[in-house]
Amino acid sequence: MRHLSAIVIIFISCGATKAAAQDFRYSLSVFGSYTTSSKIFQHPNDANEVIRNQFRIMDNIFGGGIDLRKNLPDLRIIIGLSIEYIYKTNNYSRAGLQSAAISVKEGYSAFPVELSAYYKIPIELNQVLFYIGGGGGLYFGTRHYEEAGVSSKVVSLKPALGIHILCGTEYSLTSRLSLRVEWKFRDVQFKVT
């Protein structure tokens, strides 16, 4: 999946000691995500350039996950580890051997596990934090494919590494509850046979 834009909905901060104004040492987030634009390249390693560049569009994908972050206030950096679940299936029909339409159900599940670093932009607003960041991830996933009610069998799964960049804004509702909006661009890759 390419060009993922994640919108984080709920941010729950928890920590025993306050590091600075509105900053806790650790925070835990539960979030929902929405992918606006995605392309699935089914044969990215094919020798034929035409086949290699063929893709299927899968947009409007919802997901969710958890995010654990550690604040390093002296460096203006936050380190985070997140785990997410993304799932999308498309239903369509294709022509069969005798021009009869065959129903096809095709989709993917992805499990990004990402390590990120966030730099807190030094803009002094009381309840608002702006940040930029990036990092790397290990992406697990599988393909779902069904034709005329018959499901295909997954023979092998292989995770892959990737990178991501992001920016975001966080608004503190209370000392322990915030609302965050984040835009993330990443290249989720994995191999499925």
C-alpha atoms as a PDB file:
ATOM      1  CA  MET A   1       0.000   0.000   0.000  1.00  0.00           C
ATOM      2  CA  ARG A   2       1.374   3.389  -0.895  1.00  0.00           C
ATOM      3  CA  HIS A   3       0.617   6.870   0.383  1.00  0.00           C
ATOM      4  CA  LEU A   4      -1.088   6.161   3.673  1.00  0.00           C
ATOM      5  CA  SER A   5      -2.652   9.061   5.498  1.00  0.00           C
ATOM      6  CA  ALA A   6      -3.488   8.114   9.069  1.00  0.00           C
ATOM      7  CA  ILE A   7      -5.874  10.226  11.132  1.00  0.00           C
ATOM      8  CA  VAL A   8      -5.459   9.562  14.799  1.00  0.00           C
ATOM      9  CA  ILE A   9      -8.720  10.000  16.708  1.00  0.00           C
ATOM     10  CA  ILE A  10      -8.263   9.320  20.408  1.00  0.00           C
ATOM     11  CA  PHE A  11      -5.139   9.990  22.452  1.00  0.00           C
ATOM     12  CA  ILE A  12      -4.972   8.900  26.069  1.00  0.00           C
ATOM     13  CA  SER A  13      -1.970  10.108  28.026  1.00  0.00           C
ATOM     14  CA  CYS A  14      -0.855   8.255  31.095  1.00  0.00           C
ATOM     15  CA  GLY A  15       2.265   8.584  33.189  1.00  0.00           C
ATOM     16  CA  ALA A  16       3.431   8.788  36.752  1.00  0.00           C
ATOM     17  CA  THR A  17       5.604  11.883  36.507  1.00  0.00           C
ATOM     18  CA  LYS A  18       5.066  15.039  34.563  1.00  0.00           C
ATOM     19  CA  ALA A  19       8.191  15.978  32.579  1.00  0.00           C
ATOM     20  CA  ALA A  20       7.152  19.530  31.643  1.00  0.00           C
ATOM     21  CA  ALA A  21       3.967  21.493  31.151  1.00  0.00           C
ATOM     22  CA  GLN A  22       1.505  19.145  29.401  1.00  0.00           C
ATOM     23  CA  ASP A  23       4.278  16.554  28.879  1.00  0.00           C
ATOM     24  CA  PHE A  24       4.161  13.128  30.498  1.00  0.00           C
ATOM     25  CA  ARG A  25       7.076  10.723  30.385  1.00  0.00           C
ATOM     26  CA  TYR A  26       4.978   7.972  28.705  1.00  0.00           C
ATOM     27  CA  SER A  27       1.746   8.042  26.738  1.00  0.00           C
ATOM     28  CA  LEU A  28      -0.536   5.360  25.381  1.00  0.00           C
ATOM     29  CA  SER A  29      -2.817   5.985  22.408  1.00  0.00           C
ATOM     30  CA  VAL A  30      -5.690   4.084  20.895  1.00  0.00           C
ATOM     31  CA  PHE A  31      -6.305   5.276  17.356  1.00  0.00           C
ATOM     32  CA  GLY A  32      -8.304   4.811  14.217  1.00  0.00           C
ATOM     33  CA  SER A  33      -6.818   5.309  10.762  1.00  0.00           C
ATOM     34  CA  TYR A  34      -8.167   6.122   7.338  1.00  0.00           C
ATOM     35  CA  THR A  35      -6.158   5.487   4.159  1.00  0.00           C
ATOM     36  CA  THR A  36      -7.173   7.893   1.437  1.00  0.00           C
ATOM     37  CA  SER A  37      -5.100   6.547  -1.456  1.00  0.00           C
ATOM     38  CA  SER A  38      -3.494   3.156  -1.989  1.00  0.00           C
ATOM     39  CA  LYS A  39      -2.052   1.154  -4.873  1.00  0.00           C
ATOM     40  CA  ILE A  40      -1.417  -2.596  -4.703  1.00  0.00           C
ATOM     41  CA  PHE A  41       1.410  -3.777  -6.977  1.00  0.00           C
ATOM     42  CA  GLN A  42       0.834  -7.509  -7.343  1.00  0.00           C
ATOM     43  CA  HIS A  43       4.022  -8.309  -9.309  1.00  0.00           C
ATOM     44  CA  PRO A  44       6.655  -5.755  -8.151  1.00  0.00           C
ATOM     45  CA  ASN A  45       9.649  -7.983  -8.987  1.00  0.00           C
ATOM     46  CA  ASP A  46       8.586  -9.131 -12.458  1.00  0.00           C
ATOM     47  CA  ALA A  47      11.225  -8.756 -15.218  1.00  0.00           C
ATOM     48  CA  ASN A  48       8.593  -7.356 -17.596  1.00  0.00           C
ATOM     49  CA  GLU A  49       8.178  -3.630 -16.871  1.00  0.00           C
ATOM     50  CA  VAL A  50       4.537  -3.586 -18.030  1.00  0.00           C
ATOM     51  CA  ILE A  51       3.574  -6.401 -15.630  1.00  0.00           C
ATOM     52  CA  ARG A  52       5.741  -4.948 -12.817  1.00  0.00           C
ATOM     53  CA  ASN A  53       3.956  -1.557 -13.015  1.00  0.00           C
ATOM     54  CA  GLN A  54       0.404  -2.937 -13.057  1.00  0.00           C
ATOM     55  CA  PHE A  55      -1.496  -2.086  -9.909  1.00  0.00           C
ATOM     56  CA  ARG A  56      -4.936  -2.316  -8.348  1.00  0.00           C
ATOM     57  CA  ILE A  57      -6.358   0.735  -6.600  1.00  0.00           C
ATOM     58  CA  MET A  58      -7.670   0.175  -3.065  1.00  0.00           C
ATOM     59  CA  ASP A  59      -8.769   3.429  -1.458  1.00  0.00           C
ATOM     60  CA  ASN A  60     -10.883   4.384   1.560  1.00  0.00           C
ATOM     61  CA  ILE A  61      -9.380   1.862   3.978  1.00  0.00           C
ATOM     62  CA  PHE A  62     -10.109   1.945   7.706  1.00  0.00           C
ATOM     63  CA  GLY A  63      -7.864   0.539  10.411  1.00  0.00           C
ATOM     64  CA  GLY A  64      -6.954   0.873  14.060  1.00  0.00           C
ATOM     65  CA  GLY A  65      -4.183   0.268  16.536  1.00  0.00           C
ATOM     66  CA  ILE A  66      -2.270   1.217  19.653  1.00  0.00           C
ATOM     67  CA  ASP A  67       0.718   3.496  20.098  1.00  0.00           C
ATOM     68  CA  LEU A  68       3.157   3.726  23.028  1.00  0.00           C
ATOM     69  CA  ARG A  69       5.390   6.809  23.222  1.00  0.00           C
ATOM     70  CA  LYS A  70       8.229   7.942  25.465  1.00  0.00           C
ATOM     71  CA  ASN A  71       8.872  11.671  25.838  1.00  0.00           C
ATOM     72  CA  LEU A  72      12.460  12.987  25.941  1.00  0.00           C
ATOM     73  CA  PRO A  73      11.704  16.650  26.803  1.00  0.00           C
ATOM     74  CA  ASP A  74      15.327  17.849  26.977  1.00  0.00           C
ATOM     75  CA  LEU A  75      15.851  16.775  23.360  1.00  0.00           C
ATOM     76  CA  ARG A  76      12.367  17.849  22.161  1.00  0.00           C
ATOM     77  CA  ILE A  77      11.979  14.281  20.841  1.00  0.00           C
ATOM     78  CA  ILE A  78       9.390  11.562  21.410  1.00  0.00           C
ATOM     79  CA  ILE A  79      10.106   7.898  20.585  1.00  0.00           C
ATOM     80  CA  GLY A  80       7.102   5.730  19.699  1.00  0.00           C
ATOM     81  CA  LEU A  81       6.199   2.129  18.931  1.00  0.00           C
ATOM     82  CA  SER A  82       2.882   1.406  17.210  1.00  0.00           C
ATOM     83  CA  ILE A  83       0.993  -1.679  16.080  1.00  0.00           C
ATOM     84  CA  GLU A  84      -1.855  -1.314  13.598  1.00  0.00           C
ATOM     85  CA  TYR A  85      -4.387  -3.485  11.775  1.00  0.00           C
ATOM     86  CA  ILE A  86      -5.493  -2.520   8.246  1.00  0.00           C
ATOM     87  CA  TYR A  87      -8.043  -4.511   6.241  1.00  0.00           C
ATOM     88  CA  LYS A  88      -9.712  -3.915   2.886  1.00  0.00           C
ATOM     89  CA  THR A  89     -11.725  -6.139   0.530  1.00  0.00           C
ATOM     90  CA  ASN A  90     -13.199  -5.250  -2.854  1.00  0.00           C
ATOM     91  CA  ASN A  91     -16.030  -7.148  -4.547  1.00  0.00           C
ATOM     92  CA  TYR A  92     -16.361  -7.116  -8.329  1.00  0.00           C
ATOM     93  CA  SER A  93     -17.380  -9.312 -11.259  1.00  0.00           C
ATOM     94  CA  ARG A  94     -15.345 -10.492 -14.207  1.00  0.00           C
ATOM     95  CA  ALA A  95     -16.285 -12.276 -17.399  1.00  0.00           C
ATOM     96  CA  GLY A  96     -16.007 -16.062 -17.298  1.00  0.00           C
ATOM     97  CA  LEU A  97     -15.240 -18.525 -20.084  1.00  0.00           C
ATOM     98  CA  GLN A  98     -18.784 -18.446 -21.460  1.00  0.00           C
ATOM     99  CA  SER A  99     -19.413 -14.716 -20.844  1.00  0.00           C
ATOM    100  CA  ALA A 100     -21.126 -15.394 -17.511  1.00  0.00           C
ATOM    101  CA  ALA A 101     -20.117 -13.002 -14.752  1.00  0.00           C
ATOM    102  CA  ILE A 102     -18.006 -14.520 -11.976  1.00  0.00           C
ATOM    103  CA  SER A 103     -18.038 -12.845  -8.574  1.00  0.00           C
ATOM    104  CA  VAL A 104     -14.591 -12.018  -7.196  1.00  0.00           C
ATOM    105  CA  LYS A 105     -13.700 -10.954  -3.664  1.00  0.00           C
ATOM    106  CA  GLU A 106     -10.158  -9.641  -3.299  1.00  0.00           C
ATOM    107  CA  GLY A 107      -8.397  -7.888  -0.445  1.00  0.00           C
ATOM    108  CA  TYR A 108      -5.493  -7.589   1.941  1.00  0.00           C
ATOM    109  CA  SER A 109      -4.795  -7.470   5.659  1.00  0.00           C
ATOM    110  CA  ALA A 110      -1.706  -5.644   6.892  1.00  0.00           C
ATOM    111  CA  PHE A 111      -0.122  -5.440  10.343  1.00  0.00           C
ATOM    112  CA  PRO A 112       2.405  -2.570  10.477  1.00  0.00           C
ATOM    113  CA  VAL A 113       4.738  -2.577  13.494  1.00  0.00           C
ATOM    114  CA  GLU A 114       6.539   0.770  13.403  1.00  0.00           C
ATOM    115  CA  LEU A 115       9.222   2.529  15.425  1.00  0.00           C
ATOM    116  CA  SER A 116       9.074   6.320  15.047  1.00  0.00           C
ATOM    117  CA  ALA A 117      10.877   9.437  16.261  1.00  0.00           C
ATOM    118  CA  TYR A 118       8.891  12.673  16.570  1.00  0.00           C
ATOM    119  CA  TYR A 119      10.477  16.124  16.768  1.00  0.00           C
ATOM    120  CA  LYS A 120       8.390  18.662  18.692  1.00  0.00           C
ATOM    121  CA  ILE A 121       8.353  21.880  16.662  1.00  0.00           C
ATOM    122  CA  PRO A 122       9.192  24.795  18.997  1.00  0.00           C
ATOM    123  CA  ILE A 123       5.961  26.766  18.595  1.00  0.00           C
ATOM    124  CA  GLU A 124       4.748  27.913  21.999  1.00  0.00           C
ATOM    125  CA  LEU A 125       0.979  27.454  22.150  1.00  0.00           C
ATOM    126  CA  ASN A 126      -0.578  26.478  25.492  1.00  0.00           C
ATOM    127  CA  GLN A 127      -2.536  23.364  24.600  1.00  0.00           C
ATOM    128  CA  VAL A 128      -1.251  22.610  21.097  1.00  0.00           C
ATOM    129  CA  LEU A 129       1.783  20.560  20.040  1.00  0.00           C
ATOM    130  CA  PHE A 130       3.048  20.396  16.450  1.00  0.00           C
ATOM    131  CA  TYR A 131       5.506  17.685  15.404  1.00  0.00           C
ATOM    132  CA  ILE A 132       7.197  16.022  12.442  1.00  0.00           C
ATOM    133  CA  GLY A 133       8.871  12.643  12.325  1.00  0.00           C
ATOM    134  CA  GLY A 134       9.635   9.407  10.646  1.00  0.00           C
ATOM    135  CA  GLY A 135      10.970   5.945  11.189  1.00  0.00           C
ATOM    136  CA  GLY A 136      10.919   2.372  10.043  1.00  0.00           C
ATOM    137  CA  GLY A 137       8.568  -0.524  10.212  1.00  0.00           C
ATOM    138  CA  LEU A 138       8.188  -4.239   9.825  1.00  0.00           C
ATOM    139  CA  TYR A 139       5.094  -5.011   7.770  1.00  0.00           C
ATOM    140  CA  PHE A 140       3.233  -8.306   8.041  1.00  0.00           C
ATOM    141  CA  GLY A 141       0.275  -9.086   5.829  1.00  0.00           C
ATOM    142  CA  THR A 142      -1.774 -11.523   3.831  1.00  0.00           C
ATOM    143  CA  ARG A 143      -3.929 -11.551   0.723  1.00  0.00           C
ATOM    144  CA  HIS A 144      -7.580 -12.623   0.601  1.00  0.00           C
ATOM    145  CA  TYR A 145      -8.874 -13.897  -2.744  1.00  0.00           C
ATOM    146  CA  GLU A 146     -12.124 -15.658  -3.558  1.00  0.00           C
ATOM    147  CA  GLU A 147     -13.636 -16.504  -6.953  1.00  0.00           C
ATOM    148  CA  ALA A 148     -17.201 -17.801  -7.333  1.00  0.00           C
ATOM    149  CA  GLY A 149     -17.283 -18.615  -3.609  1.00  0.00           C
ATOM    150  CA  VAL A 150     -14.017 -20.609  -3.642  1.00  0.00           C
ATOM    151  CA  SER A 151     -11.179 -19.175  -1.529  1.00  0.00           C
ATOM    152  CA  SER A 152      -7.536 -19.387  -2.520  1.00  0.00           C
ATOM    153  CA  LYS A 153      -5.010 -20.844  -0.107  1.00  0.00           C
ATOM    154  CA  VAL A 154      -2.034 -18.834   1.176  1.00  0.00           C
ATOM    155  CA  VAL A 155       1.142 -20.869   0.638  1.00  0.00           C
ATOM    156  CA  SER A 156       3.730 -18.529   2.174  1.00  0.00           C
ATOM    157  CA  LEU A 157       3.949 -15.150   3.931  1.00  0.00           C
ATOM    158  CA  LYS A 158       7.065 -13.012   4.224  1.00  0.00           C
ATOM    159  CA  PRO A 159       7.167  -9.648   6.071  1.00  0.00           C
ATOM    160  CA  ALA A 160       9.211  -6.741   4.719  1.00  0.00           C
ATOM    161  CA  LEU A 161      10.880  -3.596   6.037  1.00  0.00           C
ATOM    162  CA  GLY A 162       9.854  -0.078   5.076  1.00  0.00           C
ATOM    163  CA  ILE A 163      10.111   3.568   6.063  1.00  0.00           C
ATOM    164  CA  HIS A 164       7.585   6.306   6.791  1.00  0.00           C
ATOM    165  CA  ILE A 165       7.382  10.057   7.325  1.00  0.00           C
ATOM    166  CA  LEU A 166       4.700  11.946   9.200  1.00  0.00           C
ATOM    167  CA  CYS A 167       3.527  15.201  10.710  1.00  0.00           C
ATOM    168  CA  GLY A 168       0.875  15.884  13.293  1.00  0.00           C
ATOM    169  CA  THR A 169      -0.898  18.160  15.714  1.00  0.00           C
ATOM    170  CA  GLU A 170      -1.992  17.331  19.238  1.00  0.00           C
ATOM    171  CA  TYR A 171      -4.521  19.327  21.275  1.00  0.00           C
ATOM    172  CA  SER A 172      -4.725  18.773  25.056  1.00  0.00           C
ATOM    173  CA  LEU A 173      -8.328  18.519  26.234  1.00  0.00           C
ATOM    174  CA  THR A 174      -7.310  17.852  29.874  1.00  0.00           C
ATOM    175  CA  SER A 175      -3.998  17.088  31.598  1.00  0.00           C
ATOM    176  CA  ARG A 176      -4.407  13.380  30.686  1.00  0.00           C
ATOM    177  CA  LEU A 177      -6.570  13.405  27.530  1.00  0.00           C
ATOM    178  CA  SER A 178      -5.653  14.802  24.119  1.00  0.00           C
ATOM    179  CA  LEU A 179      -6.924  14.719  20.569  1.00  0.00           C
ATOM    180  CA  ARG A 180      -4.368  14.076  17.823  1.00  0.00           C
ATOM    181  CA  VAL A 181      -4.506  14.353  14.034  1.00  0.00           C
ATOM    182  CA  GLU A 182      -1.615  12.806  12.137  1.00  0.00           C
ATOM    183  CA  TRP A 183      -0.738  12.447   8.452  1.00  0.00           C
ATOM    184  CA  LYS A 184       1.530   9.535   7.594  1.00  0.00           C
ATOM    185  CA  PHE A 185       3.054   8.511   4.272  1.00  0.00           C
ATOM    186  CA  ARG A 186       4.447   4.990   4.062  1.00  0.00           C
ATOM    187  CA  ASP A 187       5.166   2.126   1.709  1.00  0.00           C
ATOM    188  CA  VAL A 188       3.725  -1.049   3.239  1.00  0.00           C
ATOM    189  CA  GLN A 189       5.300  -4.127   1.641  1.00  0.00           C
ATOM    190  CA  PHE A 190       5.057  -7.857   2.240  1.00  0.00           C
ATOM    191  CA  LYS A 191       5.226 -10.992   0.090  1.00  0.00           C
ATOM    192  CA  VAL A 192       2.339 -13.447  -0.194  1.00  0.00           C
ATOM    193  CA  THR A 193       2.140 -16.566  -2.347  1.00  0.00           C
END
